[in-house]
PDB file of N, CA and C in Angstrom:
ATOM      1  N   MET A   1      -5.452  -9.692  -0.463  1.00  0.00           N
ATOM      2  CA  MET A   1      -5.416  -9.850  -1.841  1.00  0.00           C
ATOM      3  C   MET A   1      -3.940  -9.343  -2.372  1.00  0.00           C
ATOM      4  N   PHE A   2      -3.465 -10.123  -3.247  1.00  0.00           N
ATOM      5  CA  PHE A   2      -2.074  -9.723  -3.931  1.00  0.00           C
ATOM      6  C   PHE A   2      -2.343  -9.678  -5.421  1.00  0.00           C
ATOM      7  N   ILE A   3      -1.327  -8.929  -6.063  1.00  0.00           N
ATOM      8  CA  ILE A   3      -1.211  -8.983  -7.533  1.00  0.00           C
ATOM      9  C   ILE A   3       0.209  -9.262  -7.664  1.00  0.00           C
ATOM     10  N   ARG A   4       0.511 -10.222  -8.585  1.00  0.00           N
ATOM     11  CA  ARG A   4       1.678 -10.747  -8.639  1.00  0.00           C
ATOM     12  C   ARG A   4       2.086 -10.691 -10.321  1.00  0.00           C
ATOM     13  N   ASN A   5       3.379 -10.181 -10.349  1.00  0.00           N
ATOM     14  CA  ASN A   5       3.879 -10.038 -11.916  1.00  0.00           C
ATOM     15  C   ASN A   5       5.207 -10.760 -11.973  1.00  0.00           C
ATOM     16  N   GLU A   6       5.244 -11.843 -12.757  1.00  0.00           N
ATOM     17  CA  GLU A   6       6.436 -12.485 -13.006  1.00  0.00           C
ATOM     18  C   GLU A   6       7.138 -12.033 -14.495  1.00  0.00           C
ATOM     19  N   SER A   7       8.223 -11.337 -14.366  1.00  0.00           N
ATOM     20  CA  SER A   7       8.776 -10.911 -15.531  1.00  0.00           C
ATOM     21  C   SER A   7      10.169 -11.293 -15.452  1.00  0.00           C
ATOM     22  N   GLY A   8      10.646 -12.098 -16.501  1.00  0.00           N
ATOM     23  CA  GLY A   8      11.946 -12.549 -16.630  1.00  0.00           C
ATOM     24  C   GLY A   8      12.503 -13.533 -15.353  1.00  0.00           C
ATOM     25  N   ASN A   9      13.400 -13.275 -14.641  1.00  0.00           N
ATOM     26  CA  ASN A   9      13.573 -13.928 -13.524  1.00  0.00           C
ATOM     27  C   ASN A   9      13.122 -13.277 -12.202  1.00  0.00           C
ATOM     28  N   GLN A  10      12.380 -11.967 -12.453  1.00  0.00           N
ATOM     29  CA  GLN A  10      12.011 -11.324 -11.025  1.00  0.00           C
ATOM     30  C   GLN A  10      10.546 -11.747 -10.862  1.00  0.00           C
ATOM     31  N   ILE A  11      10.207 -11.751  -9.761  1.00  0.00           N
ATOM     32  CA  ILE A  11       8.779 -11.809  -9.269  1.00  0.00           C
ATOM     33  C   ILE A  11       8.484 -10.815  -8.178  1.00  0.00           C
ATOM     34  N   HIS A  12       7.393  -9.982  -8.526  1.00  0.00           N
ATOM     35  CA  HIS A  12       6.789  -9.085  -7.664  1.00  0.00           C
ATOM     36  C   HIS A  12       5.533  -9.338  -7.306  1.00  0.00           C
ATOM     37  N   GLU A  13       5.234  -9.294  -6.014  1.00  0.00           N
ATOM     38  CA  GLU A  13       3.840  -9.331  -5.333  1.00  0.00           C
ATOM     39  C   GLU A  13       3.566  -8.273  -4.499  1.00  0.00           C
ATOM     40  N   VAL A  14       2.540  -7.759  -4.599  1.00  0.00           N
ATOM     41  CA  VAL A  14       1.990  -6.649  -3.849  1.00  0.00           C
ATOM     42  C   VAL A  14       0.653  -6.487  -3.507  1.00  0.00           C
ATOM     43  N   ASN A  15       0.028  -5.618  -2.514  1.00  0.00           N
ATOM     44  CA  ASN A  15      -1.177  -5.616  -1.882  1.00  0.00           C
ATOM     45  C   ASN A  15      -1.600  -4.512  -2.815  1.00  0.00           C
ATOM     46  N   PRO A  16      -2.637  -4.571  -3.602  1.00  0.00           N
ATOM     47  CA  PRO A  16      -3.041  -3.507  -4.468  1.00  0.00           C
ATOM     48  C   PRO A  16      -3.725  -2.299  -3.603  1.00  0.00           C
ATOM     49  N   LYS A  17      -3.742  -2.314  -2.225  1.00  0.00           N
ATOM     50  CA  LYS A  17      -4.152  -1.171  -1.568  1.00  0.00           C
ATOM     51  C   LYS A  17      -2.839  -0.106  -1.568  1.00  0.00           C
ATOM     52  N   SER A  18      -1.669  -0.640  -1.959  1.00  0.00           N
ATOM     53  CA  SER A  18      -0.589   0.342  -2.088  1.00  0.00           C
ATOM     54  C   SER A  18      -0.209   0.890  -3.454  1.00  0.00           C
ATOM     55  N   VAL A  19      -0.521   2.076  -3.563  1.00  0.00           N
ATOM     56  CA  VAL A  19      -0.315   2.739  -4.932  1.00  0.00           C
ATOM     57  C   VAL A  19       1.098   2.522  -5.263  1.00  0.00           C
ATOM     58  N   LEU A  20       1.946   2.685  -4.403  1.00  0.00           N
ATOM     59  CA  LEU A  20       3.680   2.608  -4.767  1.00  0.00           C
ATOM     60  C   LEU A  20       3.742   1.126  -5.051  1.00  0.00           C
ATOM     61  N   GLY A  21       3.159   0.270  -4.318  1.00  0.00           N
ATOM     62  CA  GLY A  21       3.317  -1.250  -4.602  1.00  0.00           C
ATOM     63  C   GLY A  21       2.897  -1.464  -5.957  1.00  0.00           C
ATOM     64  N   LEU A  22       1.868  -0.909  -6.584  1.00  0.00           N
ATOM     65  CA  LEU A  22       1.256  -1.144  -7.812  1.00  0.00           C
ATOM     66  C   LEU A  22       2.276  -0.491  -8.959  1.00  0.00           C
ATOM     67  N   ALA A  23       2.798   0.549  -8.676  1.00  0.00           N
ATOM     68  CA  ALA A  23       3.686   1.247  -9.464  1.00  0.00           C
ATOM     69  C   ALA A  23       4.923   0.116  -9.602  1.00  0.00           C
ATOM     70  N   THR A  24       5.407  -0.273  -8.459  1.00  0.00           N
ATOM     71  CA  THR A  24       6.660  -1.343  -8.734  1.00  0.00           C
ATOM     72  C   THR A  24       6.488  -2.533  -9.597  1.00  0.00           C
ATOM     73  N   LEU A  25       5.099  -2.844  -9.749  1.00  0.00           N
ATOM     74  CA  LEU A  25       4.874  -4.083 -10.507  1.00  0.00           C
ATOM     75  C   LEU A  25       5.164  -3.861 -12.081  1.00  0.00           C
ATOM     76  N   GLN A  26       5.295  -2.457 -12.465  1.00  0.00           N
ATOM     77  CA  GLN A  26       5.429  -2.122 -13.784  1.00  0.00           C
ATOM     78  C   GLN A  26       4.592  -2.708 -14.795  1.00  0.00           C
ATOM     79  N   LEU A  27       3.193  -2.954 -14.414  1.00  0.00           N
ATOM     80  CA  LEU A  27       2.318  -3.428 -15.485  1.00  0.00           C
ATOM     81  C   LEU A  27       2.016  -2.707 -16.480  1.00  0.00           C
ATOM     82  N   ARG A  28       1.970  -3.224 -17.723  1.00  0.00           N
ATOM     83  CA  ARG A  28       1.802  -2.358 -18.890  1.00  0.00           C
ATOM     84  C   ARG A  28       0.724  -3.213 -19.807  1.00  0.00           C
ATOM     85  N   ASN A  29       0.239  -2.595 -20.983  1.00  0.00           N
ATOM     86  CA  ASN A  29      -0.656  -3.027 -21.794  1.00  0.00           C
ATOM     87  C   ASN A  29      -0.234  -4.379 -22.133  1.00  0.00           C
ATOM     88  N   GLY A  30      -0.859  -5.358 -22.073  1.00  0.00           N
ATOM     89  CA  GLY A  30      -0.489  -6.859 -22.602  1.00  0.00           C
ATOM     90  C   GLY A  30       0.335  -7.731 -21.575  1.00  0.00           C
ATOM     91  N   VAL A  31       0.765  -7.029 -20.331  1.00  0.00           N
ATOM     92  CA  VAL A  31       1.500  -8.001 -19.565  1.00  0.00           C
ATOM     93  C   VAL A  31       0.488  -8.764 -18.746  1.00  0.00           C
ATOM     94  N   GLU A  32       0.925  -9.910 -18.356  1.00  0.00           N
ATOM     95  CA  GLU A  32      -0.183 -10.896 -17.695  1.00  0.00           C
ATOM     96  C   GLU A  32       0.423 -10.920 -16.212  1.00  0.00           C
ATOM     97  N   ALA A  33      -0.560 -10.640 -15.153  1.00  0.00           N
ATOM     98  CA  ALA A  33      -0.356 -10.903 -13.990  1.00  0.00           C
ATOM     99  C   ALA A  33      -1.401 -11.721 -13.331  1.00  0.00           C
ATOM    100  N   THR A  34      -0.983 -12.289 -11.856  1.00  0.00           N
ATOM    101  CA  THR A  34      -1.858 -13.175 -11.159  1.00  0.00           C
ATOM    102  C   THR A  34      -2.364 -12.392 -10.064  1.00  0.00           C
ATOM    103  N   VAL A  35      -3.698 -12.538  -9.972  1.00  0.00           N
ATOM    104  CA  VAL A  35      -4.436 -11.976  -8.782  1.00  0.00           C
ATOM    105  C   VAL A  35      -5.009 -13.043  -7.764  1.00  0.00           C
ATOM    106  N   ARG A  36      -4.537 -13.012  -6.535  1.00  0.00           N
ATOM    107  CA  ARG A  36      -5.218 -13.929  -5.579  1.00  0.00           C
ATOM    108  C   ARG A  36      -5.623 -13.413  -4.365  1.00  0.00           C
ATOM    109  N   ALA A  37      -6.666 -14.060  -3.895  1.00  0.00           N
ATOM    110  CA  ALA A  37      -7.213 -13.504  -2.626  1.00  0.00           C
ATOM    111  C   ALA A  37      -7.572 -14.715  -1.790  1.00  0.00           C
ATOM    112  N   GLU A  38      -8.004 -14.350  -0.530  1.00  0.00           N
ATOM    113  CA  GLU A  38      -8.230 -15.469   0.556  1.00  0.00           C
ATOM    114  C   GLU A  38      -9.550 -14.832   1.210  1.00  0.00           C
ATOM    115  N   GLY A  39     -10.395 -15.562   1.685  1.00  0.00           N
ATOM    116  CA  GLY A  39     -11.459 -14.953   2.653  1.00  0.00           C
ATOM    117  C   GLY A  39     -12.825 -15.326   1.940  1.00  0.00           C
ATOM    118  N   LYS A  40     -13.797 -14.559   2.700  1.00  0.00           N
ATOM    119  CA  LYS A  40     -15.182 -14.737   2.392  1.00  0.00           C
ATOM    120  C   LYS A  40     -15.502 -14.112   0.998  1.00  0.00           C
ATOM    121  N   ASP A  41     -14.963 -12.895   0.822  1.00  0.00           N
ATOM    122  CA  ASP A  41     -15.349 -12.268  -0.442  1.00  0.00           C
ATOM    123  C   ASP A  41     -14.305 -12.351  -1.480  1.00  0.00           C
ATOM    124  N   ALA A  42     -13.527 -13.291  -1.402  1.00  0.00           N
ATOM    125  CA  ALA A  42     -12.314 -13.509  -2.183  1.00  0.00           C
ATOM    126  C   ALA A  42     -12.535 -13.558  -3.787  1.00  0.00           C
ATOM    127  N   GLU A  43     -13.539 -14.341  -4.128  1.00  0.00           N
ATOM    128  CA  GLU A  43     -13.899 -14.397  -5.495  1.00  0.00           C
ATOM    129  C   GLU A  43     -14.447 -13.067  -6.012  1.00  0.00           C
ATOM    130  N   GLU A  44     -15.176 -12.108  -5.398  1.00  0.00           N
ATOM    131  CA  GLU A  44     -15.775 -11.066  -5.778  1.00  0.00           C
ATOM    132  C   GLU A  44     -14.542  -9.974  -5.751  1.00  0.00           C
ATOM    133  N   ALA A  45     -13.934  -9.961  -4.828  1.00  0.00           N
ATOM    134  CA  ALA A  45     -12.535  -9.090  -4.921  1.00  0.00           C
ATOM    135  C   ALA A  45     -11.682  -9.239  -6.032  1.00  0.00           C
ATOM    136  N   VAL A  46     -11.365 -10.532  -6.373  1.00  0.00           N
ATOM    137  CA  VAL A  46     -10.639 -10.816  -7.644  1.00  0.00           C
ATOM    138  C   VAL A  46     -11.374 -10.280  -8.806  1.00  0.00           C
ATOM    139  N   LEU A  47     -12.580 -10.648  -9.108  1.00  0.00           N
ATOM    140  CA  LEU A  47     -13.218 -10.241 -10.207  1.00  0.00           C
ATOM    141  C   LEU A  47     -13.482  -8.810 -10.380  1.00  0.00           C
ATOM    142  N   GLU A  48     -13.421  -7.972  -9.384  1.00  0.00           N
ATOM    143  CA  GLU A  48     -13.489  -6.434  -9.260  1.00  0.00           C
ATOM    144  C   GLU A  48     -12.087  -6.039  -9.672  1.00  0.00           C
ATOM    145  N   VAL A  49     -10.877  -6.529  -9.363  1.00  0.00           N
ATOM    146  CA  VAL A  49      -9.638  -6.187  -9.664  1.00  0.00           C
ATOM    147  C   VAL A  49      -9.426  -6.607 -11.045  1.00  0.00           C
ATOM    148  N   ILE A  50      -9.671  -7.409 -11.704  1.00  0.00           N
ATOM    149  CA  ILE A  50      -9.802  -7.930 -12.984  1.00  0.00           C
ATOM    150  C   ILE A  50     -10.638  -6.893 -13.934  1.00  0.00           C
ATOM    151  N   ARG A  51     -11.761  -6.626 -13.491  1.00  0.00           N
ATOM    152  CA  ARG A  51     -12.594  -5.573 -14.150  1.00  0.00           C
ATOM    153  C   ARG A  51     -11.806  -4.089 -14.207  1.00  0.00           C
ATOM    154  N   PHE A  52     -11.119  -3.945 -13.139  1.00  0.00           N
ATOM    155  CA  PHE A  52     -10.628  -2.599 -13.069  1.00  0.00           C
ATOM    156  C   PHE A  52      -9.417  -2.541 -13.928  1.00  0.00           C
ATOM    157  N   PHE A  53      -8.681  -3.569 -14.374  1.00  0.00           N
ATOM    158  CA  PHE A  53      -7.512  -3.288 -15.125  1.00  0.00           C
ATOM    159  C   PHE A  53      -8.106  -3.811 -16.464  1.00  0.00           C
ATOM    160  N   GLY A  54      -9.368  -3.839 -16.807  1.00  0.00           N
ATOM    161  CA  GLY A  54      -9.891  -3.971 -18.068  1.00  0.00           C
ATOM    162  C   GLY A  54      -9.623  -5.458 -18.588  1.00  0.00           C
ATOM    163  N   GLY A  55      -9.608  -6.419 -17.709  1.00  0.00           N
ATOM    164  CA  GLY A  55      -9.692  -7.830 -17.887  1.00  0.00           C
ATOM    165  C   GLY A  55     -11.029  -8.374 -18.477  1.00  0.00           C
ATOM    166  N   GLU A  56     -11.158  -9.709 -18.603  1.00  0.00           N
ATOM    167  CA  GLU A  56     -12.391 -10.151 -18.853  1.00  0.00           C
ATOM    168  C   GLU A  56     -13.164 -10.588 -17.925  1.00  0.00           C
TER     169      GLU A  56
END
C-alpha cells in the first residue's frame, strides 16, 4: 500500500507503515492524496486508510 501526494512539481509516495514517511508527505487539511494498494485485501485496506484520514 502507498499514499501519494502530488504538490506542484513534486511527487512523494510512501508506505503508510512509516511514520517518518507520512510526515514527509506534508498532508494538511484539504490536501488531496492518492491511496493505492494491491493484493487480496487491497480494497479493505484503502477504505481503512481513507477512514483514518477522515475521508468519505
